[in-house]
């Protein structure tokens, strides 16, 4: 009986751990950032329209970056949850096998 428990424990410890390499998280590359040109410059239609175009372009870039980061975070969460489920299923199967082996040992001993 001790051999079965010891073998199961060693098998559980022999599972290799694959740690993911650290991933560099990118920063948004939405340059140049718009800067308020000042009150006097905003009185010019040309300058005001250019500033609005710069603001719109910057906003589109940042929203796109944020959407990608959110999707990546969601995919990472789903992958982590799947790994937890796989681990739990595997460990339950192993623990059920250990319990079954213990019962078989009890039956043999009686």
C-alpha atoms as a PDB file:
ATOM      1  CA  UNK A   1       0.000   0.000   0.000  1.00  0.00           C
ATOM      2  CA  UNK A   2       2.825   2.385   0.797  1.00  0.00           C
ATOM      3  CA  UNK A   3       4.339   1.699  -2.609  1.00  0.00           C
ATOM      4  CA  UNK A   4       1.144   2.713  -4.433  1.00  0.00           C
ATOM      5  CA  UNK A   5       0.857   5.959  -2.495  1.00  0.00           C
ATOM      6  CA  UNK A   6       4.551   6.695  -2.929  1.00  0.00           C
ATOM      7  CA  UNK A   7       4.376   5.981  -6.667  1.00  0.00           C
ATOM      8  CA  UNK A   8       1.351   8.238  -7.091  1.00  0.00           C
ATOM      9  CA  UNK A   9       3.001  11.026  -5.128  1.00  0.00           C
ATOM     10  CA  UNK A  10       6.191  10.766  -7.179  1.00  0.00           C
ATOM     11  CA  UNK A  11       4.202  10.743 -10.408  1.00  0.00           C
ATOM     12  CA  UNK A  12       2.433  13.919  -9.367  1.00  0.00           C
ATOM     13  CA  UNK A  13       5.736  15.604  -8.558  1.00  0.00           C
ATOM     14  CA  UNK A  14       7.318  14.506 -11.827  1.00  0.00           C
ATOM     15  CA  UNK A  15       5.032  16.726 -13.890  1.00  0.00           C
ATOM     16  CA  UNK A  16       7.282  19.297 -15.562  1.00  0.00           C
ATOM     17  CA  UNK A  17       6.468  22.905 -14.927  1.00  0.00           C
ATOM     18  CA  UNK A  18       6.559  25.059 -18.047  1.00  0.00           C
ATOM     19  CA  UNK A  19       6.817  28.640 -16.907  1.00  0.00           C
ATOM     20  CA  UNK A  20       6.118  31.113 -19.648  1.00  0.00           C
ATOM     21  CA  UNK A  21       8.880  33.475 -20.554  1.00  0.00           C
ATOM     22  CA  UNK A  22       8.170  36.984 -19.380  1.00  0.00           C
ATOM     23  CA  UNK A  23       6.503  38.907 -22.153  1.00  0.00           C
ATOM     24  CA  UNK A  24       7.299  42.544 -22.734  1.00  0.00           C
ATOM     25  CA  UNK A  25       4.027  44.436 -22.764  1.00  0.00           C
ATOM     26  CA  UNK A  26       4.046  47.004 -25.546  1.00  0.00           C
ATOM     27  CA  UNK A  27       3.271  50.632 -24.957  1.00  0.00           C
ATOM     28  CA  UNK A  28       1.006  52.547 -27.293  1.00  0.00           C
ATOM     29  CA  UNK A  29       2.829  53.995 -30.269  1.00  0.00           C
ATOM     30  CA  UNK A  30       0.377  56.795 -30.879  1.00  0.00           C
ATOM     31  CA  UNK A  31       2.773  59.592 -31.638  1.00  0.00           C
ATOM     32  CA  UNK A  32       2.849  62.427 -31.958  1.00  0.00           C
ATOM     33  CA  UNK A  33       0.531  63.232 -29.081  1.00  0.00           C
ATOM     34  CA  UNK A  34      -1.582  66.263 -29.841  1.00  0.00           C
ATOM     35  CA  UNK A  35      -0.811  69.397 -27.887  1.00  0.00           C
ATOM     36  CA  UNK A  36      -3.191  72.257 -27.359  1.00  0.00           C
ATOM     37  CA  UNK A  37      -1.807  75.055 -29.519  1.00  0.00           C
ATOM     38  CA  UNK A  38      -3.098  77.789 -27.278  1.00  0.00           C
ATOM     39  CA  UNK A  39      -6.043  80.137 -27.305  1.00  0.00           C
ATOM     40  CA  UNK A  40      -4.733  82.455 -30.003  1.00  0.00           C
ATOM     41  CA  UNK A  41      -3.825  79.660 -32.401  1.00  0.00           C
ATOM     42  CA  UNK A  42      -7.283  78.120 -31.991  1.00  0.00           C
ATOM     43  CA  UNK A  43      -8.811  81.271 -33.452  1.00  0.00           C
ATOM     44  CA  UNK A  44      -7.436  80.221 -36.842  1.00  0.00           C
ATOM     45  CA  UNK A  45      -9.775  77.830 -38.690  1.00  0.00           C
ATOM     46  CA  UNK A  46      -6.847  76.046 -40.298  1.00  0.00           C
ATOM     47  CA  UNK A  47      -5.047  75.500 -37.018  1.00  0.00           C
ATOM     48  CA  UNK A  48      -8.251  74.453 -35.211  1.00  0.00           C
ATOM     49  CA  UNK A  49      -9.093  71.904 -37.947  1.00  0.00           C
ATOM     50  CA  UNK A  50      -5.539  70.526 -37.868  1.00  0.00           C
ATOM     51  CA  UNK A  51      -5.705  70.205 -34.085  1.00  0.00           C
ATOM     52  CA  UNK A  52      -9.036  68.360 -34.370  1.00  0.00           C
ATOM     53  CA  UNK A  53      -7.561  65.971 -36.976  1.00  0.00           C
ATOM     54  CA  UNK A  54      -4.580  65.333 -34.696  1.00  0.00           C
ATOM     55  CA  UNK A  55      -6.939  64.655 -31.768  1.00  0.00           C
ATOM     56  CA  UNK A  56      -9.071  62.270 -33.832  1.00  0.00           C
ATOM     57  CA  UNK A  57      -6.024  60.380 -35.119  1.00  0.00           C
ATOM     58  CA  UNK A  58      -4.606  60.058 -31.595  1.00  0.00           C
ATOM     59  CA  UNK A  59      -7.956  58.881 -30.212  1.00  0.00           C
ATOM     60  CA  UNK A  60      -8.354  56.238 -32.940  1.00  0.00           C
ATOM     61  CA  UNK A  61      -4.851  54.939 -32.297  1.00  0.00           C
ATOM     62  CA  UNK A  62      -5.355  54.737 -28.517  1.00  0.00           C
ATOM     63  CA  UNK A  63      -8.769  53.061 -28.808  1.00  0.00           C
ATOM     64  CA  UNK A  64      -7.310  50.474 -31.207  1.00  0.00           C
ATOM     65  CA  UNK A  65      -4.396  49.830 -28.808  1.00  0.00           C
ATOM     66  CA  UNK A  66      -6.764  49.450 -25.861  1.00  0.00           C
ATOM     67  CA  UNK A  67      -9.014  47.051 -27.795  1.00  0.00           C
ATOM     68  CA  UNK A  68      -6.040  44.839 -28.667  1.00  0.00           C
ATOM     69  CA  UNK A  69      -4.792  44.835 -25.054  1.00  0.00           C
ATOM     70  CA  UNK A  70      -8.293  43.934 -23.786  1.00  0.00           C
ATOM     71  CA  UNK A  71      -8.560  41.064 -26.274  1.00  0.00           C
ATOM     72  CA  UNK A  72      -5.119  39.806 -25.271  1.00  0.00           C
ATOM     73  CA  UNK A  73      -6.024  39.991 -21.583  1.00  0.00           C
ATOM     74  CA  UNK A  74      -9.246  38.062 -22.237  1.00  0.00           C
ATOM     75  CA  UNK A  75      -7.378  35.377 -24.200  1.00  0.00           C
ATOM     76  CA  UNK A  76      -4.817  35.072 -21.385  1.00  0.00           C
ATOM     77  CA  UNK A  77      -7.579  34.738 -18.792  1.00  0.00           C
ATOM     78  CA  UNK A  78      -9.299  32.036 -20.835  1.00  0.00           C
ATOM     79  CA  UNK A  79      -6.013  30.146 -21.290  1.00  0.00           C
ATOM     80  CA  UNK A  80      -5.290  30.332 -17.555  1.00  0.00           C
ATOM     81  CA  UNK A  81      -8.785  29.100 -16.704  1.00  0.00           C
ATOM     82  CA  UNK A  82      -8.410  26.208 -19.158  1.00  0.00           C
ATOM     83  CA  UNK A  83      -5.098  25.272 -17.550  1.00  0.00           C
ATOM     84  CA  UNK A  84      -6.697  25.332 -14.089  1.00  0.00           C
ATOM     85  CA  UNK A  85      -9.525  23.093 -15.328  1.00  0.00           C
ATOM     86  CA  UNK A  86      -7.041  20.675 -16.902  1.00  0.00           C
ATOM     87  CA  UNK A  87      -4.982  20.568 -13.715  1.00  0.00           C
ATOM     88  CA  UNK A  88      -8.047  19.994 -11.540  1.00  0.00           C
ATOM     89  CA  UNK A  89      -9.308  17.202 -13.812  1.00  0.00           C
ATOM     90  CA  UNK A  90      -5.906  15.509 -13.834  1.00  0.00           C
ATOM     91  CA  UNK A  91      -5.472  15.768 -10.075  1.00  0.00           C
ATOM     92  CA  UNK A  92      -8.990  14.424  -9.464  1.00  0.00           C
ATOM     93  CA  UNK A  93      -8.232  11.451 -11.694  1.00  0.00           C
ATOM     94  CA  UNK A  94      -4.975  10.805  -9.813  1.00  0.00           C
ATOM     95  CA  UNK A  95      -6.647  11.182  -6.414  1.00  0.00           C
ATOM     96  CA  UNK A  96      -9.463   8.849  -7.488  1.00  0.00           C
ATOM     97  CA  UNK A  97      -6.828   6.316  -8.566  1.00  0.00           C
ATOM     98  CA  UNK A  98      -5.078   6.593  -5.212  1.00  0.00           C
ATOM     99  CA  UNK A  99      -8.384   6.133  -3.359  1.00  0.00           C
ATOM    100  CA  UNK A 100      -9.221   3.133  -5.522  1.00  0.00           C
ATOM    101  CA  UNK A 101      -5.789   1.598  -4.864  1.00  0.00           C
ATOM    102  CA  UNK A 102      -6.278   2.109  -1.130  1.00  0.00           C
ATOM    103  CA  UNK A 103      -9.651   0.339  -1.302  1.00  0.00           C
ATOM    104  CA  UNK A 104      -8.125  -2.524  -3.249  1.00  0.00           C
ATOM    105  CA  UNK A 105      -5.356  -2.834  -0.659  1.00  0.00           C
ATOM    106  CA  UNK A 106      -7.965  -2.922   2.132  1.00  0.00           C
ATOM    107  CA  UNK A 107      -9.894  -5.637   0.334  1.00  0.00           C
ATOM    108  CA  UNK A 108      -6.736  -7.720  -0.196  1.00  0.00           C
ATOM    109  CA  UNK A 109      -5.674  -7.291   3.441  1.00  0.00           C
ATOM    110  CA  UNK A 110      -9.045  -8.565   4.719  1.00  0.00           C
END
